[in-house]
Amino acid sequence: TQETTVIATSSNRRKALWLNKFPNHRIVDIRGNVTTRIQKLKEQPWDATILASAGLIRLNLKHEIAQELEWMTPAPAQGAIAVMCHSSQSNIIQELDKINDSNTALCTNIERNFLNALNGGCSAPLGAYAQIQNNKVQFEGVVASIDGKEKIEIRLEAPLNTASNLGLEAANIAVKKGAKRLIESAN
């Protein structure tokens, strides 16, 4: 019998996108913190595990990265940091406004709007990435079936000053292409 490549991940998004690209591979579930997952990979007869490179770098584990998967669309707002405080704390809000990056906030909101408009939760097999280049927001959204056999990709671009609804526009296009059915396949 032919051996199958085994990839470990706990993310439905990563599983769906991996299987879309490598349909003959087998996915196994892996749980635990980053160091636990790395240790499990070393102990198990698996070929690889997929982890967020930002988390590995933050934990000073960049040396564990064999390859970064540029083709795998990240989770919406992945890596975004937020601070919450009571709305009555105007002095804290004023201080936070000084360090807020409006472009990052715009991109994060576009990505979250895509997720929310599709009623996707943290287990939904979807990704979104918005970035600003040359005063334009470039958006990439993806929704895949959990088995990776179907994938919907949306790419949109809009001028920076009119881009706030880009995530909603992309979600509407994705819905017309059957995204809701693909998301429900993960539940």
N, C-alpha and C. Protein backbone atom coordinates (compact mmCIF):
# COMPACT_ATOMS: atom_id res chain seq x y z
N THR A 1 0.83 -1.19 0.00
CA THR A 1 0.00 0.00 0.00
C THR A 1 0.87 1.24 0.00
N GLN A 2 0.37 2.27 -0.64
CA GLN A 2 1.09 3.54 -0.71
C GLN A 2 0.95 4.30 0.60
N GLU A 3 2.07 4.80 1.12
CA GLU A 3 2.01 5.59 2.35
C GLU A 3 1.40 6.94 2.05
N THR A 4 0.65 7.46 3.02
CA THR A 4 0.01 8.75 2.88
C THR A 4 0.73 9.78 3.75
N THR A 5 0.89 10.97 3.23
CA THR A 5 1.46 12.06 4.01
C THR A 5 0.44 12.45 5.07
N VAL A 6 0.92 12.60 6.31
CA VAL A 6 0.04 12.93 7.43
C VAL A 6 0.41 14.32 7.96
N ILE A 7 -0.59 15.19 7.99
CA ILE A 7 -0.42 16.56 8.46
C ILE A 7 -1.29 16.76 9.69
N ALA A 8 -0.73 17.35 10.73
CA ALA A 8 -1.47 17.59 11.98
C ALA A 8 -1.89 19.05 12.05
N THR A 9 -3.16 19.28 12.35
CA THR A 9 -3.68 20.63 12.58
C THR A 9 -5.01 20.51 13.32
N SER A 10 -5.34 21.52 14.07
CA SER A 10 -6.64 21.55 14.76
C SER A 10 -7.59 22.54 14.09
N SER A 11 -7.12 23.23 13.07
CA SER A 11 -7.88 24.29 12.42
C SER A 11 -8.65 23.75 11.21
N ASN A 12 -9.96 23.96 11.18
CA ASN A 12 -10.74 23.56 10.01
C ASN A 12 -10.32 24.35 8.77
N ARG A 13 -9.98 25.62 8.94
CA ARG A 13 -9.52 26.44 7.82
C ARG A 13 -8.25 25.85 7.22
N ARG A 14 -7.27 25.56 8.07
CA ARG A 14 -6.01 25.00 7.58
C ARG A 14 -6.23 23.63 6.95
N LYS A 15 -7.07 22.82 7.58
CA LYS A 15 -7.38 21.48 7.04
C LYS A 15 -7.99 21.61 5.65
N ALA A 16 -9.01 22.44 5.51
CA ALA A 16 -9.71 22.59 4.24
C ALA A 16 -8.78 23.11 3.14
N LEU A 17 -7.98 24.12 3.46
CA LEU A 17 -7.10 24.70 2.45
C LEU A 17 -5.97 23.73 2.09
N TRP A 18 -5.47 22.99 3.07
CA TRP A 18 -4.42 22.00 2.79
C TRP A 18 -4.96 20.90 1.88
N LEU A 19 -6.13 20.37 2.24
CA LEU A 19 -6.71 19.29 1.44
C LEU A 19 -7.11 19.75 0.04
N ASN A 20 -7.43 21.04 -0.10
CA ASN A 20 -7.73 21.56 -1.42
C ASN A 20 -6.49 21.49 -2.31
N LYS A 21 -5.33 21.73 -1.72
CA LYS A 21 -4.07 21.72 -2.47
C LYS A 21 -3.48 20.31 -2.55
N PHE A 22 -3.67 19.52 -1.49
CA PHE A 22 -3.10 18.17 -1.40
C PHE A 22 -4.18 17.16 -1.03
N PRO A 23 -5.07 16.82 -1.96
CA PRO A 23 -6.23 15.99 -1.63
C PRO A 23 -5.91 14.57 -1.18
N ASN A 24 -4.72 14.09 -1.45
CA ASN A 24 -4.37 12.72 -1.06
C ASN A 24 -3.70 12.63 0.31
N HIS A 25 -3.52 13.75 0.97
CA HIS A 25 -2.91 13.74 2.30
C HIS A 25 -3.98 13.44 3.35
N ARG A 26 -3.53 13.02 4.51
CA ARG A 26 -4.44 12.74 5.63
C ARG A 26 -4.18 13.77 6.72
N ILE A 27 -5.26 14.29 7.29
CA ILE A 27 -5.16 15.28 8.37
C ILE A 27 -5.51 14.61 9.69
N VAL A 28 -4.68 14.85 10.70
CA VAL A 28 -4.98 14.39 12.05
C VAL A 28 -5.11 15.60 12.96
N ASP A 29 -5.95 15.45 13.97
CA ASP A 29 -6.20 16.54 14.91
C ASP A 29 -5.06 16.61 15.91
N ILE A 30 -4.64 17.81 16.24
CA ILE A 30 -3.59 18.01 17.24
C ILE A 30 -4.05 19.13 18.17
N ARG A 31 -3.88 18.92 19.46
CA ARG A 31 -4.29 19.90 20.47
C ARG A 31 -3.11 20.21 21.39
N GLY A 32 -3.25 21.30 22.13
CA GLY A 32 -2.23 21.68 23.09
C GLY A 32 -1.59 23.00 22.71
N ASN A 33 -0.76 23.51 23.60
CA ASN A 33 -0.06 24.75 23.28
C ASN A 33 1.03 24.48 22.24
N VAL A 34 1.70 25.51 21.80
CA VAL A 34 2.67 25.38 20.71
C VAL A 34 3.77 24.38 21.04
N THR A 35 4.36 24.49 22.21
CA THR A 35 5.45 23.57 22.55
C THR A 35 4.96 22.13 22.65
N THR A 36 3.75 21.94 23.15
CA THR A 36 3.17 20.60 23.20
C THR A 36 2.97 20.05 21.80
N ARG A 37 2.49 20.87 20.89
CA ARG A 37 2.27 20.42 19.51
C ARG A 37 3.58 20.07 18.83
N ILE A 38 4.62 20.86 19.06
CA ILE A 38 5.93 20.55 18.48
C ILE A 38 6.45 19.23 19.02
N GLN A 39 6.28 19.02 20.33
CA GLN A 39 6.73 17.77 20.93
C GLN A 39 5.94 16.58 20.37
N LYS A 40 4.62 16.73 20.20
CA LYS A 40 3.79 15.66 19.62
C LYS A 40 4.26 15.34 18.21
N LEU A 41 4.60 16.36 17.42
CA LEU A 41 5.08 16.13 16.07
C LEU A 41 6.34 15.27 16.09
N LYS A 42 7.23 15.56 17.03
CA LYS A 42 8.49 14.80 17.12
C LYS A 42 8.27 13.37 17.58
N GLU A 43 7.19 13.14 18.35
CA GLU A 43 6.93 11.80 18.90
C GLU A 43 6.04 10.94 18.00
N GLN A 44 5.26 11.55 17.15
CA GLN A 44 4.29 10.82 16.33
C GLN A 44 4.85 10.57 14.92
N PRO A 45 4.29 9.60 14.22
CA PRO A 45 4.74 9.34 12.84
C PRO A 45 4.08 10.27 11.82
N TRP A 46 3.95 11.55 12.17
CA TRP A 46 3.35 12.53 11.28
C TRP A 46 4.45 13.20 10.47
N ASP A 47 4.07 13.74 9.33
CA ASP A 47 5.05 14.39 8.47
C ASP A 47 5.24 15.87 8.79
N ALA A 48 4.17 16.53 9.25
CA ALA A 48 4.26 17.97 9.54
C ALA A 48 3.06 18.40 10.36
N THR A 49 3.18 19.58 10.94
CA THR A 49 2.05 20.25 11.57
C THR A 49 2.03 21.68 11.07
N ILE A 50 0.84 22.25 11.02
CA ILE A 50 0.70 23.63 10.55
C ILE A 50 0.40 24.51 11.76
N LEU A 51 1.27 25.49 11.98
CA LEU A 51 1.14 26.43 13.09
C LEU A 51 1.30 27.85 12.56
N ALA A 52 0.79 28.81 13.30
CA ALA A 52 0.96 30.22 12.92
C ALA A 52 2.41 30.63 13.15
N SER A 53 3.05 31.13 12.10
CA SER A 53 4.46 31.52 12.23
C SER A 53 4.62 32.66 13.22
N ALA A 54 3.62 33.55 13.31
CA ALA A 54 3.71 34.67 14.26
C ALA A 54 3.84 34.15 15.69
N GLY A 55 3.09 33.10 16.01
CA GLY A 55 3.17 32.51 17.35
C GLY A 55 4.52 31.87 17.60
N LEU A 56 5.06 31.19 16.61
CA LEU A 56 6.39 30.57 16.77
C LEU A 56 7.46 31.63 16.95
N ILE A 57 7.38 32.70 16.18
CA ILE A 57 8.36 33.77 16.29
C ILE A 57 8.25 34.45 17.65
N ARG A 58 7.02 34.71 18.10
CA ARG A 58 6.81 35.35 19.39
C ARG A 58 7.40 34.51 20.53
N LEU A 59 7.35 33.19 20.37
CA LEU A 59 7.88 32.29 21.39
C LEU A 59 9.35 31.95 21.18
N ASN A 60 10.00 32.68 20.29
CA ASN A 60 11.42 32.47 19.99
C ASN A 60 11.67 31.06 19.44
N LEU A 61 10.73 30.59 18.60
CA LEU A 61 10.84 29.25 18.00
C LEU A 61 10.91 29.32 16.48
N LYS A 62 11.43 30.43 15.97
CA LYS A 62 11.52 30.59 14.52
C LYS A 62 12.30 29.45 13.87
N HIS A 63 13.27 28.90 14.60
CA HIS A 63 14.08 27.81 14.07
C HIS A 63 13.26 26.55 13.79
N GLU A 64 12.04 26.46 14.33
CA GLU A 64 11.16 25.31 14.10
C GLU A 64 10.40 25.42 12.79
N ILE A 65 10.42 26.59 12.15
CA ILE A 65 9.66 26.81 10.92
C ILE A 65 10.42 26.20 9.75
N ALA A 66 9.81 25.19 9.13
CA ALA A 66 10.42 24.57 7.95
C ALA A 66 10.08 25.36 6.69
N GLN A 67 8.85 25.89 6.64
CA GLN A 67 8.41 26.65 5.48
C GLN A 67 7.20 27.48 5.86
N GLU A 68 7.15 28.71 5.36
CA GLU A 68 5.95 29.54 5.53
C GLU A 68 5.06 29.34 4.32
N LEU A 69 3.77 29.15 4.58
CA LEU A 69 2.80 28.86 3.53
C LEU A 69 2.13 30.15 3.07
N GLU A 70 2.74 30.82 2.14
CA GLU A 70 2.22 32.09 1.64
C GLU A 70 0.85 31.92 0.97
N TRP A 71 0.55 30.74 0.47
CA TRP A 71 -0.71 30.50 -0.23
C TRP A 71 -1.88 30.25 0.71
N MET A 72 -1.62 30.04 1.99
CA MET A 72 -2.70 29.75 2.94
C MET A 72 -3.22 31.05 3.54
N THR A 73 -4.45 31.39 3.19
CA THR A 73 -5.06 32.62 3.67
C THR A 73 -5.27 32.53 5.18
N PRO A 74 -4.84 33.55 5.93
CA PRO A 74 -4.98 33.50 7.39
C PRO A 74 -6.42 33.67 7.86
N ALA A 75 -6.64 33.38 9.12
CA ALA A 75 -7.94 33.62 9.74
C ALA A 75 -8.18 35.12 9.79
N PRO A 76 -9.44 35.55 9.68
CA PRO A 76 -9.74 36.98 9.76
C PRO A 76 -9.20 37.59 11.06
N ALA A 77 -8.54 38.73 10.91
CA ALA A 77 -7.99 39.49 12.04
C ALA A 77 -6.93 38.73 12.83
N GLN A 78 -6.33 37.72 12.22
CA GLN A 78 -5.30 36.96 12.92
C GLN A 78 -4.14 37.89 13.27
N GLY A 79 -3.75 37.87 14.51
CA GLY A 79 -2.65 38.69 14.97
C GLY A 79 -3.04 40.08 15.43
N ALA A 80 -4.31 40.44 15.28
CA ALA A 80 -4.75 41.77 15.73
C ALA A 80 -4.82 41.79 17.25
N ILE A 81 -4.43 42.91 17.81
CA ILE A 81 -4.46 43.08 19.26
C ILE A 81 -5.45 44.18 19.59
N ALA A 82 -6.27 43.94 20.61
CA ALA A 82 -7.28 44.92 21.01
C ALA A 82 -7.17 45.19 22.50
N VAL A 83 -7.55 46.38 22.90
CA VAL A 83 -7.60 46.76 24.31
C VAL A 83 -9.04 47.16 24.61
N MET A 84 -9.57 46.65 25.70
CA MET A 84 -10.93 47.01 26.10
C MET A 84 -10.88 47.81 27.38
N CYS A 85 -11.76 48.77 27.48
CA CYS A 85 -11.90 49.51 28.72
C CYS A 85 -13.34 50.03 28.80
N HIS A 86 -13.72 50.49 29.96
CA HIS A 86 -15.06 51.06 30.12
C HIS A 86 -15.18 52.33 29.28
N SER A 87 -16.33 52.52 28.68
CA SER A 87 -16.54 53.71 27.85
C SER A 87 -16.43 55.00 28.67
N SER A 88 -16.58 54.91 29.98
CA SER A 88 -16.47 56.09 30.84
C SER A 88 -15.02 56.52 31.06
N GLN A 89 -14.07 55.70 30.65
CA GLN A 89 -12.65 55.99 30.86
C GLN A 89 -12.08 56.82 29.71
N SER A 90 -12.56 58.05 29.58
CA SER A 90 -12.18 58.89 28.44
C SER A 90 -10.67 59.15 28.40
N ASN A 91 -10.02 59.22 29.56
CA ASN A 91 -8.58 59.47 29.56
C ASN A 91 -7.82 58.27 28.97
N ILE A 92 -8.27 57.07 29.24
CA ILE A 92 -7.62 55.87 28.67
C ILE A 92 -7.91 55.80 27.17
N ILE A 93 -9.13 56.11 26.79
CA ILE A 93 -9.50 56.09 25.37
C ILE A 93 -8.65 57.08 24.59
N GLN A 94 -8.41 58.27 25.15
CA GLN A 94 -7.58 59.27 24.48
C GLN A 94 -6.15 58.76 24.31
N GLU A 95 -5.62 58.10 25.32
CA GLU A 95 -4.25 57.56 25.23
C GLU A 95 -4.19 56.44 24.19
N LEU A 96 -5.21 55.59 24.16
CA LEU A 96 -5.24 54.50 23.19
C LEU A 96 -5.36 55.02 21.76
N ASP A 97 -6.09 56.11 21.57
CA ASP A 97 -6.22 56.72 20.24
C ASP A 97 -4.86 57.13 19.69
N LYS A 98 -3.93 57.48 20.58
CA LYS A 98 -2.60 57.91 20.16
C LYS A 98 -1.80 56.76 19.55
N ILE A 99 -2.06 55.54 20.01
CA ILE A 99 -1.28 54.40 19.51
C ILE A 99 -2.06 53.53 18.52
N ASN A 100 -3.32 53.85 18.31
CA ASN A 100 -4.11 53.08 17.35
C ASN A 100 -3.61 53.34 15.93
N ASP A 101 -3.50 52.29 15.14
CA ASP A 101 -3.11 52.43 13.75
C ASP A 101 -4.38 52.31 12.90
N SER A 102 -4.81 53.41 12.31
CA SER A 102 -6.09 53.43 11.60
C SER A 102 -6.11 52.49 10.40
N ASN A 103 -4.97 52.33 9.72
CA ASN A 103 -4.93 51.40 8.58
C ASN A 103 -5.10 49.96 9.03
N THR A 104 -4.45 49.59 10.13
CA THR A 104 -4.60 48.24 10.67
C THR A 104 -6.04 48.02 11.12
N ALA A 105 -6.61 49.02 11.77
CA ALA A 105 -8.01 48.91 12.23
C ALA A 105 -8.94 48.73 11.04
N LEU A 106 -8.72 49.48 9.96
CA LEU A 106 -9.55 49.35 8.77
C LEU A 106 -9.46 47.93 8.20
N CYS A 107 -8.25 47.43 8.02
CA CYS A 107 -8.07 46.08 7.45
C CYS A 107 -8.68 45.02 8.35
N THR A 108 -8.48 45.14 9.64
CA THR A 108 -9.04 44.18 10.59
C THR A 108 -10.56 44.19 10.53
N ASN A 109 -11.15 45.38 10.48
CA ASN A 109 -12.61 45.48 10.39
C ASN A 109 -13.15 44.89 9.09
N ILE A 110 -12.45 45.09 8.00
CA ILE A 110 -12.87 44.51 6.71
C ILE A 110 -12.87 42.99 6.82
N GLU A 111 -11.81 42.43 7.38
CA GLU A 111 -11.71 40.97 7.54
C GLU A 111 -12.81 40.44 8.46
N ARG A 112 -13.04 41.13 9.57
CA ARG A 112 -14.09 40.70 10.50
C ARG A 112 -15.48 40.83 9.87
N ASN A 113 -15.71 41.86 9.07
CA ASN A 113 -16.99 42.01 8.39
C ASN A 113 -17.26 40.84 7.46
N PHE A 114 -16.23 40.37 6.78
CA PHE A 114 -16.36 39.20 5.91
C PHE A 114 -16.78 37.99 6.74
N LEU A 115 -16.09 37.76 7.84
CA LEU A 115 -16.40 36.64 8.74
C LEU A 115 -17.82 36.74 9.28
N ASN A 116 -18.16 37.89 9.83
CA ASN A 116 -19.47 38.07 10.46
C ASN A 116 -20.62 37.99 9.46
N ALA A 117 -20.44 38.54 8.27
CA ALA A 117 -21.49 38.49 7.27
C ALA A 117 -21.78 37.06 6.81
N LEU A 118 -20.79 36.20 6.93
CA LEU A 118 -20.96 34.79 6.57
C LEU A 118 -21.36 33.93 7.76
N ASN A 119 -21.55 34.57 8.92
CA ASN A 119 -21.86 33.85 10.16
C ASN A 119 -20.84 32.76 10.45
N GLY A 120 -19.61 33.08 10.15
CA GLY A 120 -18.52 32.12 10.40
C GLY A 120 -17.97 32.31 11.79
N GLY A 121 -17.78 31.23 12.49
CA GLY A 121 -17.17 31.28 13.81
C GLY A 121 -15.72 30.87 13.72
N CYS A 122 -15.13 30.57 14.87
CA CYS A 122 -13.71 30.22 14.88
C CYS A 122 -13.44 28.87 14.23
N SER A 123 -14.48 28.04 14.04
CA SER A 123 -14.25 26.74 13.40
C SER A 123 -14.61 26.75 11.92
N ALA A 124 -15.02 27.89 11.39
CA ALA A 124 -15.41 27.97 9.98
C ALA A 124 -14.18 27.82 9.08
N PRO A 125 -14.31 27.08 7.99
CA PRO A 125 -13.19 26.91 7.05
C PRO A 125 -13.08 28.11 6.10
N LEU A 126 -12.79 29.27 6.69
CA LEU A 126 -12.66 30.47 5.86
C LEU A 126 -11.50 31.32 6.33
N GLY A 127 -10.97 32.08 5.39
CA GLY A 127 -9.87 32.98 5.68
C GLY A 127 -10.11 34.32 5.04
N ALA A 128 -9.45 35.34 5.54
CA ALA A 128 -9.58 36.68 4.98
C ALA A 128 -8.30 37.46 5.26
N TYR A 129 -7.90 38.24 4.27
CA TYR A 129 -6.71 39.06 4.44
C TYR A 129 -6.87 40.35 3.67
N ALA A 130 -6.78 41.46 4.36
CA ALA A 130 -6.84 42.78 3.74
C ALA A 130 -5.51 43.48 3.99
N GLN A 131 -5.01 44.14 2.97
CA GLN A 131 -3.77 44.90 3.11
C GLN A 131 -3.85 46.14 2.25
N ILE A 132 -3.07 47.13 2.64
CA ILE A 132 -3.06 48.41 1.92
C ILE A 132 -1.79 48.52 1.11
N GLN A 133 -1.97 48.80 -0.18
CA GLN A 133 -0.84 49.05 -1.07
C GLN A 133 -1.23 50.14 -2.05
N ASN A 134 -0.39 51.13 -2.19
CA ASN A 134 -0.61 52.23 -3.13
C ASN A 134 -1.97 52.91 -2.93
N ASN A 135 -2.31 53.19 -1.67
CA ASN A 135 -3.58 53.85 -1.32
C ASN A 135 -4.81 53.07 -1.73
N LYS A 136 -4.67 51.76 -1.86
CA LYS A 136 -5.80 50.87 -2.15
C LYS A 136 -5.79 49.73 -1.16
N VAL A 137 -6.99 49.26 -0.82
CA VAL A 137 -7.11 48.08 0.03
C VAL A 137 -7.31 46.89 -0.90
N GLN A 138 -6.45 45.91 -0.75
CA GLN A 138 -6.57 44.66 -1.49
C GLN A 138 -7.10 43.62 -0.52
N PHE A 139 -8.19 42.96 -0.90
CA PHE A 139 -8.83 41.98 -0.03
C PHE A 139 -8.83 40.62 -0.72
N GLU A 140 -8.51 39.61 0.08
CA GLU A 140 -8.59 38.23 -0.38
C GLU A 140 -9.41 37.45 0.65
N GLY A 141 -10.46 36.81 0.18
CA GLY A 141 -11.28 35.97 1.04
C GLY A 141 -11.38 34.59 0.45
N VAL A 142 -11.45 33.59 1.31
CA VAL A 142 -11.57 32.21 0.84
C VAL A 142 -12.49 31.45 1.78
N VAL A 143 -13.32 30.59 1.18
CA VAL A 143 -14.18 29.68 1.93
C VAL A 143 -14.02 28.33 1.26
N ALA A 144 -13.83 27.28 2.05
CA ALA A 144 -13.63 25.95 1.48
C ALA A 144 -14.49 24.93 2.21
N SER A 145 -14.79 23.85 1.50
CA SER A 145 -15.47 22.74 2.17
C SER A 145 -14.46 22.07 3.08
N ILE A 146 -14.93 21.44 4.12
CA ILE A 146 -14.04 20.85 5.12
C ILE A 146 -13.15 19.77 4.52
N ASP A 147 -13.62 19.11 3.46
CA ASP A 147 -12.82 18.08 2.81
C ASP A 147 -11.88 18.65 1.75
N GLY A 148 -11.94 19.97 1.54
CA GLY A 148 -11.06 20.63 0.59
C GLY A 148 -11.45 20.48 -0.86
N LYS A 149 -12.53 19.80 -1.15
CA LYS A 149 -12.90 19.54 -2.55
C LYS A 149 -13.48 20.76 -3.25
N GLU A 150 -14.04 21.69 -2.48
CA GLU A 150 -14.59 22.91 -3.07
C GLU A 150 -13.95 24.12 -2.41
N LYS A 151 -13.71 25.14 -3.21
CA LYS A 151 -13.12 26.37 -2.67
C LYS A 151 -13.64 27.56 -3.45
N ILE A 152 -14.03 28.58 -2.70
CA ILE A 152 -14.47 29.85 -3.27
C ILE A 152 -13.44 30.90 -2.90
N GLU A 153 -12.91 31.59 -3.90
CA GLU A 153 -11.94 32.65 -3.65
C GLU A 153 -12.51 33.97 -4.16
N ILE A 154 -12.36 34.99 -3.36
CA ILE A 154 -12.83 36.33 -3.72
C ILE A 154 -11.64 37.28 -3.59
N ARG A 155 -11.38 38.05 -4.62
CA ARG A 155 -10.33 39.07 -4.58
C ARG A 155 -10.97 40.39 -5.03
N LEU A 156 -10.87 41.38 -4.16
CA LEU A 156 -11.43 42.70 -4.46
C LEU A 156 -10.41 43.77 -4.11
N GLU A 157 -10.58 44.94 -4.71
CA GLU A 157 -9.70 46.07 -4.43
C GLU A 157 -10.55 47.33 -4.46
N ALA A 158 -10.22 48.25 -3.58
CA ALA A 158 -10.94 49.53 -3.54
C ALA A 158 -10.00 50.62 -3.04
N PRO A 159 -10.25 51.86 -3.47
CA PRO A 159 -9.46 52.97 -2.93
C PRO A 159 -9.60 53.02 -1.41
N LEU A 160 -8.55 53.42 -0.75
CA LEU A 160 -8.49 53.46 0.71
C LEU A 160 -9.68 54.17 1.32
N ASN A 161 -10.09 55.29 0.74
CA ASN A 161 -11.16 56.09 1.34
C ASN A 161 -12.56 55.53 1.12
N THR A 162 -12.71 54.48 0.30
CA THR A 162 -14.04 53.89 0.06
C THR A 162 -14.06 52.39 0.34
N ALA A 163 -13.07 51.88 1.04
CA ALA A 163 -12.89 50.43 1.18
C ALA A 163 -13.58 49.81 2.39
N SER A 164 -14.22 50.59 3.24
CA SER A 164 -14.72 50.05 4.51
C SER A 164 -15.73 48.93 4.34
N ASN A 165 -16.46 48.88 3.22
CA ASN A 165 -17.46 47.82 3.00
C ASN A 165 -16.93 46.66 2.15
N LEU A 166 -15.65 46.60 1.93
CA LEU A 166 -15.06 45.57 1.08
C LEU A 166 -15.34 44.16 1.59
N GLY A 167 -15.27 43.96 2.89
CA GLY A 167 -15.55 42.64 3.47
C GLY A 167 -16.99 42.21 3.25
N LEU A 168 -17.91 43.16 3.38
CA LEU A 168 -19.33 42.85 3.14
C LEU A 168 -19.58 42.54 1.67
N GLU A 169 -18.95 43.31 0.78
CA GLU A 169 -19.09 43.05 -0.65
C GLU A 169 -18.58 41.65 -0.99
N ALA A 170 -17.43 41.30 -0.43
CA ALA A 170 -16.84 39.98 -0.69
C ALA A 170 -17.74 38.87 -0.14
N ALA A 171 -18.31 39.09 1.04
CA ALA A 171 -19.20 38.09 1.63
C ALA A 171 -20.43 37.88 0.77
N ASN A 172 -21.00 38.96 0.23
CA ASN A 172 -22.17 38.84 -0.64
C ASN A 172 -21.84 38.03 -1.89
N ILE A 173 -20.68 38.25 -2.46
CA ILE A 173 -20.25 37.48 -3.63
C ILE A 173 -20.07 36.01 -3.25
N ALA A 174 -19.44 35.79 -2.10
CA ALA A 174 -19.21 34.41 -1.63
C ALA A 174 -20.52 33.67 -1.39
N VAL A 175 -21.51 34.37 -0.83
CA VAL A 175 -22.82 33.75 -0.58
C VAL A 175 -23.44 33.32 -1.90
N LYS A 176 -23.36 34.17 -2.91
CA LYS A 176 -23.92 33.84 -4.23
C LYS A 176 -23.23 32.63 -4.85
N LYS A 177 -21.99 32.39 -4.45
CA LYS A 177 -21.23 31.25 -4.97
C LYS A 177 -21.37 29.99 -4.11
N GLY A 178 -22.17 30.08 -3.02
CA GLY A 178 -22.42 28.90 -2.19
C GLY A 178 -21.63 28.80 -0.90
N ALA A 179 -21.11 29.90 -0.41
CA ALA A 179 -20.26 29.88 0.79
C ALA A 179 -20.98 29.36 2.04
N LYS A 180 -22.25 29.71 2.20
CA LYS A 180 -22.99 29.28 3.41
C LYS A 180 -23.00 27.76 3.50
N ARG A 181 -23.21 27.09 2.39
CA ARG A 181 -23.24 25.62 2.38
C ARG A 181 -21.88 25.05 2.79
N LEU A 182 -20.80 25.66 2.30
CA LEU A 182 -19.47 25.18 2.63
C LEU A 182 -19.16 25.38 4.12
N ILE A 183 -19.58 26.51 4.67
CA ILE A 183 -19.37 26.79 6.09
C ILE A 183 -20.16 25.80 6.94
N GLU A 184 -21.40 25.55 6.54
CA GLU A 184 -22.23 24.61 7.30
C GLU A 184 -21.68 23.19 7.23
N SER A 185 -20.90 22.86 6.21
CA SER A 185 -20.33 21.52 6.10
C SER A 185 -19.32 21.25 7.22
N ALA A 186 -18.82 22.31 7.86
CA ALA A 186 -17.84 22.14 8.93
C ALA A 186 -18.49 21.86 10.27
N ASN A 187 -19.78 22.09 10.38
CA ASN A 187 -20.47 21.91 11.66
C ASN A 187 -20.98 20.50 11.85
